[in-house]
Amino acid sequence: MSKLENPVLMATIGAAQGLRGEVRVKSFTDDPTALGEYGNLHSADGRVFEVLEIREAKNVVIVRFRGVNDRNAAEALNGLDLFIERDNLPDDDLDEDEFFYADLEGLEAIDGNGTSYGKVSGVFDFGAGDLLELKGPGRRPVLIPFTEWSVLEIDLEAGRLLVDPVAAGLTDDKDQDPGSPFSAKRK
């Protein structure tokens, strides 16, 4: 099997559940039980997984995959990330101001003066809200909050994000150019 061209992380397999080869899965979909509706899932090493059964549990779903028939096979999958091709995600269900996090990766973060702060290299959620990781040439990666105060505009067609560098924690107020549209202090 060939590698996916534009993979999107859909789920991570956790511990085995029972003796029939079922596994606990953390799904990153809006409806966790719809995980199998996106087609076959792929691992980074090229294996393909077909969902046979899926049911909800507390914070995860319990999944049985084709070919995983016992606890030993299920335990061997623990920690495996599962992906689909980006083209398998339904764009027609999105509202005008909605997008997939995978579409943010690669966008350049700029401020109102055109200063670049790097490109989005990842989207993370450690429990207190979404964060965007920005990487730029010669710079260490930085995390900025993905809020309406930090990210003012998303332009997928132009390949950029308009950011407020003060709200994003990229600069201090004193570092701002007095003519900058972001130089006013927030209350």
N, C-alpha and C. Protein backbone atom coordinates (compact mmCIF):
# COMPACT_ATOMS: atom_id res chain seq x y z
N MET A 1 0.83 -1.18 0.00
CA MET A 1 0.00 0.00 0.00
C MET A 1 0.87 1.23 0.00
N SER A 2 0.51 2.22 -0.78
CA SER A 2 1.29 3.45 -0.82
C SER A 2 0.92 4.35 0.36
N LYS A 3 1.83 5.25 0.66
CA LYS A 3 1.60 6.19 1.75
C LYS A 3 0.55 7.21 1.34
N LEU A 4 -0.17 7.74 2.33
CA LEU A 4 -1.16 8.78 2.06
C LEU A 4 -0.43 10.06 1.67
N GLU A 5 -0.98 10.79 0.70
CA GLU A 5 -0.36 12.04 0.25
C GLU A 5 -0.60 13.18 1.24
N ASN A 6 -1.81 13.26 1.77
CA ASN A 6 -2.17 14.34 2.68
C ASN A 6 -2.93 13.73 3.86
N PRO A 7 -2.22 13.05 4.78
CA PRO A 7 -2.90 12.34 5.87
C PRO A 7 -3.48 13.27 6.91
N VAL A 8 -4.62 12.86 7.45
CA VAL A 8 -5.27 13.57 8.54
C VAL A 8 -5.47 12.58 9.67
N LEU A 9 -4.97 12.93 10.85
CA LEU A 9 -5.09 12.06 12.02
C LEU A 9 -6.55 12.00 12.45
N MET A 10 -7.09 10.78 12.52
CA MET A 10 -8.49 10.59 12.88
C MET A 10 -8.67 9.96 14.25
N ALA A 11 -7.69 9.15 14.68
CA ALA A 11 -7.86 8.42 15.93
C ALA A 11 -6.52 7.86 16.40
N THR A 12 -6.49 7.51 17.68
CA THR A 12 -5.34 6.80 18.25
C THR A 12 -5.86 5.59 18.99
N ILE A 13 -5.26 4.44 18.71
CA ILE A 13 -5.67 3.20 19.36
C ILE A 13 -5.06 3.15 20.75
N GLY A 14 -5.89 2.72 21.71
CA GLY A 14 -5.44 2.56 23.08
C GLY A 14 -5.36 1.09 23.45
N ALA A 15 -5.71 0.80 24.66
CA ALA A 15 -5.58 -0.55 25.22
C ALA A 15 -6.59 -1.52 24.61
N ALA A 16 -6.26 -2.79 24.72
CA ALA A 16 -7.18 -3.86 24.31
C ALA A 16 -8.39 -3.87 25.23
N GLN A 17 -9.53 -4.31 24.70
CA GLN A 17 -10.77 -4.37 25.46
C GLN A 17 -11.34 -5.77 25.29
N GLY A 18 -11.29 -6.56 26.32
CA GLY A 18 -11.85 -7.91 26.25
C GLY A 18 -10.93 -8.88 25.53
N LEU A 19 -11.51 -10.00 25.11
CA LEU A 19 -10.72 -11.08 24.53
C LEU A 19 -10.90 -11.25 23.03
N ARG A 20 -11.90 -10.57 22.42
CA ARG A 20 -12.23 -10.79 21.01
C ARG A 20 -11.44 -9.91 20.04
N GLY A 21 -10.46 -9.17 20.51
CA GLY A 21 -9.67 -8.33 19.61
C GLY A 21 -10.15 -6.90 19.54
N GLU A 22 -11.07 -6.51 20.41
CA GLU A 22 -11.54 -5.13 20.42
C GLU A 22 -10.49 -4.23 21.08
N VAL A 23 -10.50 -2.95 20.68
CA VAL A 23 -9.57 -1.97 21.25
C VAL A 23 -10.33 -0.70 21.63
N ARG A 24 -9.78 -0.01 22.60
CA ARG A 24 -10.29 1.31 22.97
C ARG A 24 -9.63 2.31 22.03
N VAL A 25 -10.41 3.22 21.46
CA VAL A 25 -9.90 4.16 20.47
C VAL A 25 -10.33 5.57 20.84
N LYS A 26 -9.38 6.49 20.85
CA LYS A 26 -9.69 7.91 21.03
C LYS A 26 -9.91 8.48 19.63
N SER A 27 -11.15 8.84 19.35
CA SER A 27 -11.52 9.36 18.03
C SER A 27 -11.47 10.88 18.06
N PHE A 28 -10.95 11.48 16.99
CA PHE A 28 -10.87 12.93 16.88
C PHE A 28 -11.94 13.47 15.95
N THR A 29 -12.99 12.70 15.73
CA THR A 29 -14.09 13.14 14.88
C THR A 29 -15.18 13.78 15.74
N ASP A 30 -16.03 14.58 15.11
CA ASP A 30 -17.12 15.24 15.82
C ASP A 30 -18.04 14.20 16.45
N ASP A 31 -18.39 13.18 15.70
CA ASP A 31 -19.18 12.05 16.20
C ASP A 31 -18.24 10.85 16.26
N PRO A 32 -17.77 10.48 17.45
CA PRO A 32 -16.80 9.39 17.56
C PRO A 32 -17.25 8.07 16.93
N THR A 33 -18.54 7.79 16.95
CA THR A 33 -19.02 6.53 16.37
C THR A 33 -19.05 6.56 14.85
N ALA A 34 -18.80 7.70 14.23
CA ALA A 34 -18.77 7.82 12.77
C ALA A 34 -17.38 7.55 12.20
N LEU A 35 -16.46 7.11 13.03
CA LEU A 35 -15.07 6.91 12.61
C LEU A 35 -14.96 6.02 11.38
N GLY A 36 -15.75 4.99 11.29
CA GLY A 36 -15.68 4.08 10.16
C GLY A 36 -16.33 4.60 8.89
N GLU A 37 -17.05 5.71 8.97
CA GLU A 37 -17.75 6.26 7.80
C GLU A 37 -16.85 7.02 6.84
N TYR A 38 -15.60 7.22 7.22
CA TYR A 38 -14.67 7.96 6.37
C TYR A 38 -13.87 7.03 5.47
N GLY A 39 -14.17 5.76 5.51
CA GLY A 39 -13.44 4.78 4.72
C GLY A 39 -12.41 4.07 5.59
N ASN A 40 -11.55 3.31 4.96
CA ASN A 40 -10.52 2.59 5.69
C ASN A 40 -9.56 3.56 6.36
N LEU A 41 -9.06 3.15 7.50
CA LEU A 41 -8.08 3.93 8.25
C LEU A 41 -6.70 3.36 7.96
N HIS A 42 -5.69 4.23 7.97
CA HIS A 42 -4.34 3.82 7.62
C HIS A 42 -3.38 4.19 8.74
N SER A 43 -2.41 3.32 8.99
CA SER A 43 -1.35 3.64 9.94
C SER A 43 -0.18 4.24 9.16
N ALA A 44 0.75 4.88 9.87
CA ALA A 44 1.90 5.52 9.23
C ALA A 44 2.79 4.50 8.51
N ASP A 45 2.76 3.25 8.97
CA ASP A 45 3.59 2.23 8.33
C ASP A 45 2.90 1.54 7.15
N GLY A 46 1.72 2.03 6.76
CA GLY A 46 1.05 1.54 5.56
C GLY A 46 -0.02 0.49 5.77
N ARG A 47 -0.25 0.04 7.00
CA ARG A 47 -1.31 -0.94 7.23
C ARG A 47 -2.68 -0.27 7.08
N VAL A 48 -3.66 -1.07 6.66
CA VAL A 48 -5.02 -0.59 6.45
C VAL A 48 -5.93 -1.26 7.45
N PHE A 49 -6.84 -0.47 8.05
CA PHE A 49 -7.76 -0.98 9.06
C PHE A 49 -9.19 -0.68 8.65
N GLU A 50 -10.01 -1.72 8.63
CA GLU A 50 -11.43 -1.57 8.33
C GLU A 50 -12.22 -1.76 9.62
N VAL A 51 -13.09 -0.80 9.93
CA VAL A 51 -13.91 -0.88 11.13
C VAL A 51 -15.07 -1.84 10.88
N LEU A 52 -15.18 -2.88 11.72
CA LEU A 52 -16.29 -3.82 11.61
C LEU A 52 -17.41 -3.47 12.57
N GLU A 53 -17.04 -3.12 13.80
CA GLU A 53 -18.02 -2.75 14.82
C GLU A 53 -17.47 -1.57 15.61
N ILE A 54 -18.38 -0.73 16.07
CA ILE A 54 -17.97 0.40 16.89
C ILE A 54 -19.10 0.73 17.86
N ARG A 55 -18.72 1.02 19.11
CA ARG A 55 -19.72 1.41 20.10
C ARG A 55 -19.07 2.40 21.06
N GLU A 56 -19.91 3.21 21.68
CA GLU A 56 -19.41 4.24 22.59
C GLU A 56 -19.08 3.66 23.95
N ALA A 57 -18.06 4.25 24.57
CA ALA A 57 -17.73 4.00 25.96
C ALA A 57 -17.63 5.39 26.61
N LYS A 58 -17.07 5.50 27.80
CA LYS A 58 -17.04 6.80 28.48
C LYS A 58 -16.39 7.89 27.64
N ASN A 59 -15.09 7.85 27.48
CA ASN A 59 -14.37 8.90 26.75
C ASN A 59 -13.78 8.41 25.44
N VAL A 60 -14.09 7.19 25.06
CA VAL A 60 -13.53 6.58 23.87
C VAL A 60 -14.62 5.79 23.15
N VAL A 61 -14.24 5.17 22.05
CA VAL A 61 -15.12 4.20 21.41
C VAL A 61 -14.41 2.86 21.44
N ILE A 62 -15.19 1.79 21.46
CA ILE A 62 -14.65 0.44 21.41
C ILE A 62 -14.83 -0.02 19.97
N VAL A 63 -13.72 -0.45 19.36
CA VAL A 63 -13.73 -0.78 17.93
C VAL A 63 -13.20 -2.19 17.73
N ARG A 64 -13.82 -2.87 16.78
CA ARG A 64 -13.30 -4.16 16.31
C ARG A 64 -12.93 -3.97 14.86
N PHE A 65 -11.66 -4.24 14.53
CA PHE A 65 -11.15 -4.12 13.17
C PHE A 65 -11.08 -5.49 12.50
N ARG A 66 -11.25 -5.50 11.19
CA ARG A 66 -11.12 -6.74 10.42
C ARG A 66 -9.70 -7.26 10.60
N GLY A 67 -9.58 -8.56 10.90
CA GLY A 67 -8.29 -9.21 11.03
C GLY A 67 -7.66 -9.13 12.41
N VAL A 68 -8.28 -8.39 13.32
CA VAL A 68 -7.79 -8.32 14.70
C VAL A 68 -8.77 -9.14 15.52
N ASN A 69 -8.40 -10.41 15.80
CA ASN A 69 -9.38 -11.35 16.34
C ASN A 69 -9.12 -11.82 17.76
N ASP A 70 -8.00 -11.40 18.36
CA ASP A 70 -7.75 -11.83 19.74
C ASP A 70 -7.05 -10.71 20.52
N ARG A 71 -6.97 -10.92 21.79
CA ARG A 71 -6.40 -9.89 22.68
C ARG A 71 -4.94 -9.58 22.34
N ASN A 72 -4.15 -10.61 22.00
CA ASN A 72 -2.74 -10.37 21.68
C ASN A 72 -2.59 -9.45 20.47
N ALA A 73 -3.38 -9.66 19.44
CA ALA A 73 -3.33 -8.81 18.25
C ALA A 73 -3.78 -7.39 18.60
N ALA A 74 -4.79 -7.29 19.46
CA ALA A 74 -5.29 -5.97 19.88
C ALA A 74 -4.24 -5.23 20.69
N GLU A 75 -3.56 -5.92 21.60
CA GLU A 75 -2.53 -5.29 22.44
C GLU A 75 -1.38 -4.76 21.60
N ALA A 76 -1.08 -5.41 20.49
CA ALA A 76 0.02 -4.98 19.62
C ALA A 76 -0.27 -3.65 18.92
N LEU A 77 -1.52 -3.22 18.91
CA LEU A 77 -1.91 -1.97 18.25
C LEU A 77 -1.89 -0.75 19.18
N ASN A 78 -1.66 -0.96 20.45
CA ASN A 78 -1.71 0.13 21.44
C ASN A 78 -0.78 1.27 21.04
N GLY A 79 -1.34 2.49 20.99
CA GLY A 79 -0.57 3.69 20.67
C GLY A 79 -0.49 4.01 19.19
N LEU A 80 -1.09 3.21 18.34
CA LEU A 80 -1.03 3.40 16.89
C LEU A 80 -1.97 4.52 16.46
N ASP A 81 -1.44 5.48 15.70
CA ASP A 81 -2.26 6.56 15.13
C ASP A 81 -2.87 6.10 13.82
N LEU A 82 -4.13 6.51 13.59
CA LEU A 82 -4.84 6.12 12.37
C LEU A 82 -5.21 7.37 11.57
N PHE A 83 -5.01 7.30 10.27
CA PHE A 83 -5.18 8.45 9.38
C PHE A 83 -6.13 8.10 8.23
N ILE A 84 -6.65 9.15 7.59
CA ILE A 84 -7.32 9.01 6.31
C ILE A 84 -6.73 10.06 5.38
N GLU A 85 -7.01 9.91 4.10
CA GLU A 85 -6.59 10.91 3.12
C GLU A 85 -7.48 12.15 3.29
N ARG A 86 -6.90 13.33 3.22
CA ARG A 86 -7.63 14.59 3.41
C ARG A 86 -8.84 14.67 2.47
N ASP A 87 -8.71 14.16 1.26
CA ASP A 87 -9.81 14.22 0.28
C ASP A 87 -11.04 13.43 0.72
N ASN A 88 -10.90 12.53 1.70
CA ASN A 88 -12.04 11.76 2.20
C ASN A 88 -12.91 12.54 3.18
N LEU A 89 -12.46 13.72 3.60
CA LEU A 89 -13.26 14.54 4.51
C LEU A 89 -14.28 15.33 3.71
N PRO A 90 -15.52 15.40 4.18
CA PRO A 90 -16.60 16.04 3.43
C PRO A 90 -16.59 17.57 3.55
N ASP A 91 -16.06 18.27 2.55
CA ASP A 91 -16.02 19.74 2.56
C ASP A 91 -17.41 20.37 2.45
N ASP A 92 -18.35 19.66 1.82
CA ASP A 92 -19.67 20.25 1.60
C ASP A 92 -20.48 20.41 2.88
N ASP A 93 -20.06 19.77 3.98
CA ASP A 93 -20.76 19.91 5.25
C ASP A 93 -20.30 21.12 6.05
N LEU A 94 -19.25 21.80 5.59
CA LEU A 94 -18.69 22.92 6.34
C LEU A 94 -19.42 24.22 6.03
N ASP A 95 -19.59 25.04 7.06
CA ASP A 95 -20.11 26.39 6.87
C ASP A 95 -19.00 27.25 6.29
N GLU A 96 -19.34 28.47 5.89
CA GLU A 96 -18.37 29.36 5.27
C GLU A 96 -17.17 29.65 6.16
N ASP A 97 -17.38 29.76 7.46
CA ASP A 97 -16.29 30.10 8.37
C ASP A 97 -15.73 28.88 9.10
N GLU A 98 -16.00 27.68 8.58
CA GLU A 98 -15.48 26.45 9.19
C GLU A 98 -14.39 25.85 8.30
N PHE A 99 -13.52 25.06 8.93
CA PHE A 99 -12.41 24.44 8.23
C PHE A 99 -11.92 23.28 9.07
N PHE A 100 -11.08 22.45 8.50
CA PHE A 100 -10.45 21.37 9.24
C PHE A 100 -9.09 21.84 9.74
N TYR A 101 -8.71 21.41 10.92
CA TYR A 101 -7.42 21.81 11.47
C TYR A 101 -6.28 21.42 10.53
N ALA A 102 -6.42 20.32 9.83
CA ALA A 102 -5.38 19.90 8.89
C ALA A 102 -5.14 20.96 7.81
N ASP A 103 -6.18 21.74 7.49
CA ASP A 103 -6.04 22.78 6.47
C ASP A 103 -5.22 23.97 6.96
N LEU A 104 -5.04 24.10 8.28
CA LEU A 104 -4.26 25.21 8.83
C LEU A 104 -2.76 24.98 8.69
N GLU A 105 -2.35 23.72 8.67
CA GLU A 105 -0.93 23.42 8.59
C GLU A 105 -0.35 23.93 7.29
N GLY A 106 0.76 24.66 7.42
CA GLY A 106 1.41 25.26 6.26
C GLY A 106 1.04 26.70 6.02
N LEU A 107 -0.02 27.21 6.68
CA LEU A 107 -0.39 28.61 6.52
C LEU A 107 0.64 29.51 7.20
N GLU A 108 0.96 30.63 6.58
CA GLU A 108 1.91 31.58 7.15
C GLU A 108 1.19 32.52 8.10
N ALA A 109 1.76 32.72 9.28
CA ALA A 109 1.20 33.65 10.28
C ALA A 109 1.85 35.01 10.11
N ILE A 110 1.05 36.01 9.76
CA ILE A 110 1.56 37.37 9.57
C ILE A 110 0.74 38.34 10.41
N ASP A 111 1.33 39.50 10.71
CA ASP A 111 0.58 40.54 11.42
C ASP A 111 0.10 41.58 10.41
N GLY A 112 -0.52 42.64 10.90
CA GLY A 112 -1.09 43.69 10.05
C GLY A 112 -0.05 44.44 9.24
N ASN A 113 1.21 44.39 9.65
CA ASN A 113 2.29 45.06 8.92
C ASN A 113 2.96 44.14 7.92
N GLY A 114 2.53 42.88 7.87
CA GLY A 114 3.12 41.92 6.95
C GLY A 114 4.31 41.16 7.51
N THR A 115 4.60 41.34 8.80
CA THR A 115 5.70 40.62 9.44
C THR A 115 5.31 39.16 9.61
N SER A 116 6.19 38.27 9.17
CA SER A 116 5.92 36.84 9.27
C SER A 116 6.45 36.30 10.59
N TYR A 117 5.66 35.42 11.21
CA TYR A 117 6.06 34.77 12.46
C TYR A 117 6.26 33.28 12.27
N GLY A 118 6.26 32.83 11.02
CA GLY A 118 6.46 31.42 10.71
C GLY A 118 5.20 30.81 10.13
N LYS A 119 5.29 29.51 9.89
CA LYS A 119 4.16 28.77 9.33
C LYS A 119 3.61 27.82 10.37
N VAL A 120 2.32 27.55 10.29
CA VAL A 120 1.67 26.62 11.20
C VAL A 120 2.20 25.21 10.90
N SER A 121 2.79 24.60 11.92
CA SER A 121 3.34 23.25 11.74
C SER A 121 2.56 22.20 12.54
N GLY A 122 1.60 22.65 13.35
CA GLY A 122 0.79 21.71 14.10
C GLY A 122 -0.30 22.40 14.88
N VAL A 123 -1.33 21.65 15.22
CA VAL A 123 -2.43 22.14 16.05
C VAL A 123 -2.53 21.19 17.23
N PHE A 124 -2.49 21.74 18.45
CA PHE A 124 -2.48 20.92 19.65
C PHE A 124 -3.57 21.35 20.61
N ASP A 125 -4.02 20.40 21.43
CA ASP A 125 -4.95 20.69 22.51
C ASP A 125 -4.50 19.89 23.72
N PHE A 126 -3.93 20.59 24.69
CA PHE A 126 -3.46 19.94 25.91
C PHE A 126 -4.48 20.05 27.03
N GLY A 127 -5.71 20.47 26.69
CA GLY A 127 -6.79 20.50 27.66
C GLY A 127 -7.30 21.89 28.00
N ALA A 128 -6.52 22.92 27.74
CA ALA A 128 -6.95 24.27 28.09
C ALA A 128 -7.33 25.09 26.87
N GLY A 129 -7.43 24.47 25.73
CA GLY A 129 -7.78 25.17 24.50
C GLY A 129 -6.78 24.85 23.41
N ASP A 130 -7.16 25.13 22.18
CA ASP A 130 -6.33 24.80 21.04
C ASP A 130 -5.14 25.75 20.94
N LEU A 131 -4.01 25.20 20.50
CA LEU A 131 -2.78 25.96 20.29
C LEU A 131 -2.27 25.69 18.89
N LEU A 132 -1.72 26.73 18.26
CA LEU A 132 -1.07 26.57 16.97
C LEU A 132 0.43 26.63 17.19
N GLU A 133 1.14 25.70 16.58
CA GLU A 133 2.61 25.74 16.63
C GLU A 133 3.09 26.45 15.38
N LEU A 134 3.94 27.47 15.56
CA LEU A 134 4.52 28.21 14.44
C LEU A 134 6.01 27.91 14.38
N LYS A 135 6.49 27.61 13.18
CA LYS A 135 7.92 27.40 12.95
C LYS A 135 8.35 28.31 11.82
N GLY A 136 9.45 29.01 12.06
CA GLY A 136 10.00 29.89 11.03
C GLY A 136 11.48 29.63 10.87
N PRO A 137 12.05 30.05 9.74
CA PRO A 137 13.48 29.83 9.52
C PRO A 137 14.31 30.54 10.59
N GLY A 138 15.22 29.82 11.20
CA GLY A 138 16.09 30.41 12.21
C GLY A 138 15.42 30.69 13.54
N ARG A 139 14.19 30.23 13.71
CA ARG A 139 13.45 30.47 14.96
C ARG A 139 13.08 29.16 15.61
N ARG A 140 13.00 29.19 16.93
CA ARG A 140 12.49 28.02 17.64
C ARG A 140 10.97 27.98 17.46
N PRO A 141 10.38 26.79 17.46
CA PRO A 141 8.92 26.71 17.37
C PRO A 141 8.27 27.39 18.57
N VAL A 142 7.15 28.06 18.33
CA VAL A 142 6.39 28.69 19.41
C VAL A 142 4.94 28.25 19.31
N LEU A 143 4.27 28.23 20.45
CA LEU A 143 2.85 27.92 20.50
C LEU A 143 2.09 29.21 20.77
N ILE A 144 1.01 29.41 20.02
CA ILE A 144 0.15 30.57 20.26
C ILE A 144 -1.27 30.07 20.47
N PRO A 145 -2.06 30.79 21.27
CA PRO A 145 -3.45 30.37 21.46
C PRO A 145 -4.24 30.54 20.17
N PHE A 146 -5.08 29.56 19.88
CA PHE A 146 -5.93 29.64 18.71
C PHE A 146 -7.27 30.20 19.16
N THR A 147 -7.30 31.52 19.34
CA THR A 147 -8.50 32.22 19.79
C THR A 147 -8.82 33.33 18.80
N GLU A 148 -10.01 33.88 18.90
CA GLU A 148 -10.39 34.98 18.01
C GLU A 148 -9.60 36.25 18.30
N TRP A 149 -8.97 36.35 19.46
CA TRP A 149 -8.15 37.51 19.80
C TRP A 149 -6.75 37.38 19.23
N SER A 150 -6.24 36.16 19.13
CA SER A 150 -4.89 35.93 18.63
C SER A 150 -4.87 35.75 17.11
N VAL A 151 -5.81 34.99 16.61
CA VAL A 151 -5.91 34.73 15.17
C VAL A 151 -7.12 35.51 14.68
N LEU A 152 -6.85 36.60 13.99
CA LEU A 152 -7.91 37.52 13.59
C LEU A 152 -8.61 37.10 12.30
N GLU A 153 -7.88 36.44 11.42
CA GLU A 153 -8.45 36.07 10.13
C GLU A 153 -7.73 34.84 9.60
N ILE A 154 -8.48 33.96 8.94
CA ILE A 154 -7.92 32.77 8.30
C ILE A 154 -8.27 32.85 6.83
N ASP A 155 -7.24 32.89 5.99
CA ASP A 155 -7.45 32.96 4.54
C ASP A 155 -6.78 31.75 3.91
N LEU A 156 -7.56 30.67 3.75
CA LEU A 156 -7.02 29.43 3.21
C LEU A 156 -6.53 29.61 1.77
N GLU A 157 -7.25 30.38 0.98
CA GLU A 157 -6.87 30.57 -0.42
C GLU A 157 -5.54 31.30 -0.54
N ALA A 158 -5.32 32.30 0.31
CA ALA A 158 -4.05 33.05 0.26
C ALA A 158 -2.95 32.34 1.04
N GLY A 159 -3.31 31.32 1.82
CA GLY A 159 -2.32 30.56 2.58
C GLY A 159 -1.75 31.31 3.77
N ARG A 160 -2.62 32.09 4.46
CA ARG A 160 -2.10 32.87 5.58
C ARG A 160 -3.12 33.02 6.69
N LEU A 161 -2.59 33.33 7.87
CA LEU A 161 -3.36 33.71 9.05
C LEU A 161 -2.97 35.12 9.42
N LEU A 162 -3.92 35.96 9.73
CA LEU A 162 -3.62 37.28 10.27
C LEU A 162 -3.66 37.15 11.78
N VAL A 163 -2.54 37.46 12.44
CA VAL A 163 -2.44 37.31 13.89
C VAL A 163 -2.21 38.65 14.55
N ASP A 164 -2.65 38.77 15.78
CA ASP A 164 -2.32 39.89 16.64
C ASP A 164 -1.13 39.43 17.46
N PRO A 165 0.06 39.93 17.19
CA PRO A 165 1.26 39.39 17.85
C PRO A 165 1.28 39.60 19.36
N VAL A 166 0.61 40.65 19.86
CA VAL A 166 0.56 40.89 21.31
C VAL A 166 -0.36 39.86 21.96
N ALA A 167 -1.56 39.71 21.44
CA ALA A 167 -2.51 38.73 22.00
C ALA A 167 -2.00 37.31 21.87
N ALA A 168 -1.22 37.04 20.83
CA ALA A 168 -0.67 35.71 20.61
C ALA A 168 0.57 35.45 21.46
N GLY A 169 1.09 36.49 22.13
CA GLY A 169 2.28 36.33 22.95
C GLY A 169 3.56 36.31 22.15
N LEU A 170 3.51 36.80 20.93
CA LEU A 170 4.70 36.82 20.08
C LEU A 170 5.57 38.05 20.32
N THR A 171 4.95 39.14 20.77
CA THR A 171 5.68 40.37 21.10
C THR A 171 5.03 41.00 22.32
N ASP A 172 5.75 41.93 22.95
CA ASP A 172 5.20 42.73 24.04
C ASP A 172 4.66 44.02 23.45
N ASP A 173 3.81 44.72 24.21
CA ASP A 173 3.31 46.02 23.75
C ASP A 173 4.44 46.97 23.43
N LYS A 174 5.49 46.97 24.24
CA LYS A 174 6.59 47.91 24.04
C LYS A 174 7.36 47.62 22.76
N ASP A 175 7.25 46.39 22.23
CA ASP A 175 7.93 46.03 21.00
C ASP A 175 7.17 46.48 19.76
N GLN A 176 5.92 46.90 19.93
CA GLN A 176 5.08 47.25 18.80
C GLN A 176 5.46 48.62 18.23
N ASP A 177 5.39 48.71 16.93
CA ASP A 177 5.55 49.98 16.23
C ASP A 177 4.34 50.85 16.58
N PRO A 178 4.55 52.13 16.98
CA PRO A 178 3.40 52.98 17.36
C PRO A 178 2.37 53.12 16.25
N GLY A 179 2.78 52.93 14.98
CA GLY A 179 1.83 53.02 13.88
C GLY A 179 1.12 51.72 13.60
N SER A 180 1.43 50.68 14.35
CA SER A 180 0.84 49.38 14.12
C SER A 180 -0.64 49.38 14.51
N PRO A 181 -1.48 48.70 13.75
CA PRO A 181 -2.89 48.63 14.13
C PRO A 181 -3.11 47.85 15.43
N PHE A 182 -2.07 47.19 15.93
CA PHE A 182 -2.19 46.40 17.14
C PHE A 182 -1.52 47.06 18.33
N SER A 183 -1.16 48.35 18.23
CA SER A 183 -0.40 48.98 19.30
C SER A 183 -1.27 49.43 20.47
N ALA A 184 -2.58 49.51 20.30
CA ALA A 184 -3.46 49.92 21.40
C ALA A 184 -3.53 48.82 22.45
N LYS A 185 -3.54 49.22 23.71
CA LYS A 185 -3.62 48.23 24.79
C LYS A 185 -5.06 47.74 24.92
N ARG A 186 -5.18 46.46 25.28
CA ARG A 186 -6.50 45.88 25.52
C ARG A 186 -6.85 46.05 26.98
N LYS A 187 -8.13 46.18 27.25
CA LYS A 187 -8.58 46.28 28.64
C LYS A 187 -9.33 45.05 29.02
